[in-house]
Amino acid sequence: MACQCGCRLPTCSLLAPFPPLRPRLLDPEQLEMARTLLANPKLSTRQVAAPLGVHRATLYRSLGRGD
């Protein structure tokens, strides 16, 4: 079976189905709680992320913020 790219390899990545997506680490309720806590200037991102069991970078990515 030839693939769309014309390579005719049975192991072509275009023939393979898409891999399943990774599950989200934070559910919508946790994200809303994180947004509320981050509105408090006395709390750091690290202090908000720790109880949720994620790294602060994961929290930033989940919230769509790069700061």
N, C-alpha and C. Protein backbone atom coordinates (compact mmCIF):
# COMPACT_ATOMS: atom_id res chain seq x y z
N MET A 1 0.85 -1.19 0.00
CA MET A 1 0.00 0.00 0.00
C MET A 1 0.88 1.23 0.00
N ALA A 2 0.75 2.08 -0.98
CA ALA A 2 1.55 3.30 -1.08
C ALA A 2 0.87 4.41 -0.27
N CYS A 3 1.70 5.23 0.31
CA CYS A 3 1.14 6.34 1.10
C CYS A 3 1.02 7.58 0.22
N GLN A 4 0.54 8.67 0.81
CA GLN A 4 0.31 9.90 0.07
C GLN A 4 1.61 10.56 -0.37
N CYS A 5 2.69 10.34 0.34
CA CYS A 5 3.95 10.99 -0.03
C CYS A 5 4.67 10.23 -1.14
N GLY A 6 4.21 9.00 -1.45
CA GLY A 6 4.77 8.23 -2.53
C GLY A 6 5.99 7.40 -2.17
N CYS A 7 6.31 7.27 -0.89
CA CYS A 7 7.52 6.55 -0.49
C CYS A 7 7.34 5.04 -0.56
N ARG A 8 6.10 4.54 -0.54
CA ARG A 8 5.76 3.11 -0.62
C ARG A 8 6.32 2.28 0.55
N LEU A 9 6.64 2.92 1.63
CA LEU A 9 7.11 2.20 2.81
C LEU A 9 5.92 1.81 3.69
N PRO A 10 5.87 0.58 4.16
CA PRO A 10 4.74 0.19 5.01
C PRO A 10 4.78 0.86 6.38
N THR A 11 5.92 1.42 6.76
CA THR A 11 6.04 2.06 8.07
C THR A 11 5.99 3.58 7.99
N CYS A 12 5.53 4.12 6.88
CA CYS A 12 5.47 5.58 6.71
C CYS A 12 4.59 6.20 7.78
N SER A 13 5.00 7.31 8.31
CA SER A 13 4.24 7.96 9.39
C SER A 13 2.90 8.50 8.89
N LEU A 14 2.76 8.71 7.58
CA LEU A 14 1.47 9.19 7.07
C LEU A 14 0.41 8.10 7.09
N LEU A 15 0.82 6.84 7.16
CA LEU A 15 -0.14 5.74 7.22
C LEU A 15 -0.60 5.44 8.64
N ALA A 16 0.20 5.83 9.60
CA ALA A 16 -0.11 5.53 11.00
C ALA A 16 -1.20 6.47 11.51
N PRO A 17 -2.10 5.98 12.34
CA PRO A 17 -3.11 6.88 12.93
C PRO A 17 -2.43 7.84 13.90
N PHE A 18 -3.09 8.94 14.15
CA PHE A 18 -2.53 9.92 15.09
C PHE A 18 -2.47 9.33 16.49
N PRO A 19 -1.39 9.60 17.22
CA PRO A 19 -1.30 9.08 18.59
C PRO A 19 -2.32 9.79 19.48
N PRO A 20 -2.73 9.16 20.54
CA PRO A 20 -3.70 9.80 21.44
C PRO A 20 -3.06 11.02 22.11
N LEU A 21 -3.88 12.01 22.38
CA LEU A 21 -3.40 13.22 23.05
C LEU A 21 -3.14 12.93 24.52
N ARG A 22 -2.19 13.68 25.08
CA ARG A 22 -1.93 13.53 26.51
C ARG A 22 -3.10 14.11 27.29
N PRO A 23 -3.46 13.49 28.40
CA PRO A 23 -4.55 14.06 29.21
C PRO A 23 -4.09 15.35 29.87
N ARG A 24 -5.02 16.22 30.07
CA ARG A 24 -4.71 17.48 30.74
C ARG A 24 -4.39 17.22 32.20
N LEU A 25 -3.39 17.95 32.71
CA LEU A 25 -3.01 17.76 34.11
C LEU A 25 -3.95 18.48 35.07
N LEU A 26 -4.54 19.56 34.59
CA LEU A 26 -5.44 20.34 35.44
C LEU A 26 -6.82 20.39 34.82
N ASP A 27 -7.84 20.13 35.62
CA ASP A 27 -9.20 20.21 35.11
C ASP A 27 -9.68 21.67 35.18
N PRO A 28 -10.80 22.00 34.57
CA PRO A 28 -11.28 23.39 34.56
C PRO A 28 -11.48 24.00 35.94
N GLU A 29 -11.91 23.19 36.90
CA GLU A 29 -12.10 23.71 38.26
C GLU A 29 -10.76 24.11 38.88
N GLN A 30 -9.73 23.29 38.67
CA GLN A 30 -8.40 23.61 39.19
C GLN A 30 -7.84 24.86 38.52
N LEU A 31 -8.07 25.01 37.23
CA LEU A 31 -7.59 26.20 36.53
C LEU A 31 -8.27 27.46 37.05
N GLU A 32 -9.56 27.36 37.32
CA GLU A 32 -10.28 28.51 37.86
C GLU A 32 -9.75 28.87 39.25
N MET A 33 -9.49 27.84 40.08
CA MET A 33 -8.93 28.09 41.40
C MET A 33 -7.55 28.74 41.28
N ALA A 34 -6.75 28.27 40.34
CA ALA A 34 -5.41 28.83 40.14
C ALA A 34 -5.51 30.30 39.72
N ARG A 35 -6.44 30.60 38.82
CA ARG A 35 -6.63 32.01 38.40
C ARG A 35 -7.00 32.90 39.59
N THR A 36 -7.88 32.39 40.43
CA THR A 36 -8.31 33.15 41.61
C THR A 36 -7.14 33.37 42.56
N LEU A 37 -6.37 32.32 42.80
CA LEU A 37 -5.23 32.45 43.71
C LEU A 37 -4.14 33.36 43.14
N LEU A 38 -3.92 33.31 41.83
CA LEU A 38 -2.89 34.15 41.23
C LEU A 38 -3.27 35.63 41.23
N ALA A 39 -4.54 35.91 41.42
CA ALA A 39 -4.97 37.31 41.52
C ALA A 39 -4.50 37.94 42.82
N ASN A 40 -4.14 37.10 43.79
CA ASN A 40 -3.61 37.57 45.07
C ASN A 40 -2.13 37.87 44.91
N PRO A 41 -1.72 39.14 45.04
CA PRO A 41 -0.31 39.49 44.84
C PRO A 41 0.63 38.92 45.91
N LYS A 42 0.09 38.45 47.01
CA LYS A 42 0.93 37.89 48.07
C LYS A 42 1.36 36.45 47.80
N LEU A 43 0.71 35.79 46.83
CA LEU A 43 1.04 34.40 46.51
C LEU A 43 1.89 34.33 45.24
N SER A 44 2.92 33.52 45.29
CA SER A 44 3.76 33.31 44.11
C SER A 44 3.16 32.19 43.27
N THR A 45 3.62 32.11 42.05
CA THR A 45 3.16 31.04 41.17
C THR A 45 3.54 29.68 41.74
N ARG A 46 4.70 29.60 42.33
CA ARG A 46 5.15 28.35 42.93
C ARG A 46 4.21 27.93 44.07
N GLN A 47 3.76 28.89 44.88
CA GLN A 47 2.85 28.59 45.98
C GLN A 47 1.48 28.14 45.48
N VAL A 48 1.08 28.61 44.31
CA VAL A 48 -0.20 28.20 43.74
C VAL A 48 -0.08 26.83 43.09
N ALA A 49 1.04 26.57 42.42
CA ALA A 49 1.23 25.32 41.68
C ALA A 49 1.45 24.12 42.59
N ALA A 50 2.14 24.31 43.70
CA ALA A 50 2.51 23.19 44.58
C ALA A 50 1.30 22.38 45.07
N PRO A 51 0.26 22.99 45.61
CA PRO A 51 -0.88 22.19 46.07
C PRO A 51 -1.61 21.47 44.94
N LEU A 52 -1.47 21.99 43.73
CA LEU A 52 -2.11 21.34 42.57
C LEU A 52 -1.28 20.18 42.05
N GLY A 53 -0.05 20.05 42.53
CA GLY A 53 0.81 18.95 42.14
C GLY A 53 1.46 19.12 40.78
N VAL A 54 1.64 20.39 40.35
CA VAL A 54 2.28 20.67 39.06
C VAL A 54 3.40 21.67 39.26
N HIS A 55 4.28 21.75 38.27
CA HIS A 55 5.35 22.73 38.27
C HIS A 55 4.76 24.08 37.85
N ARG A 56 5.40 25.15 38.24
CA ARG A 56 4.88 26.47 37.88
C ARG A 56 4.84 26.68 36.37
N ALA A 57 5.79 26.08 35.65
CA ALA A 57 5.78 26.21 34.18
C ALA A 57 4.55 25.53 33.59
N THR A 58 4.15 24.40 34.18
CA THR A 58 2.94 23.71 33.72
C THR A 58 1.73 24.57 33.98
N LEU A 59 1.72 25.25 35.11
CA LEU A 59 0.61 26.14 35.43
C LEU A 59 0.54 27.27 34.41
N TYR A 60 1.66 27.88 34.09
CA TYR A 60 1.69 28.94 33.08
C TYR A 60 1.18 28.43 31.73
N ARG A 61 1.65 27.25 31.31
CA ARG A 61 1.20 26.70 30.03
C ARG A 61 -0.29 26.41 30.03
N SER A 62 -0.79 25.88 31.13
CA SER A 62 -2.21 25.55 31.23
C SER A 62 -3.09 26.80 31.20
N LEU A 63 -2.57 27.87 31.75
CA LEU A 63 -3.32 29.13 31.77
C LEU A 63 -3.12 29.94 30.51
N GLY A 64 -2.18 29.50 29.67
CA GLY A 64 -1.94 30.24 28.43
C GLY A 64 -1.18 31.53 28.64
N ARG A 65 -0.38 31.56 29.69
CA ARG A 65 0.39 32.77 30.01
C ARG A 65 1.87 32.45 29.90
N GLY A 66 2.60 33.41 29.41
CA GLY A 66 4.04 33.21 29.29
C GLY A 66 4.84 34.04 30.26
N ASP A 67 4.18 34.61 31.24
CA ASP A 67 4.93 35.47 32.18
C ASP A 67 5.30 34.77 33.44
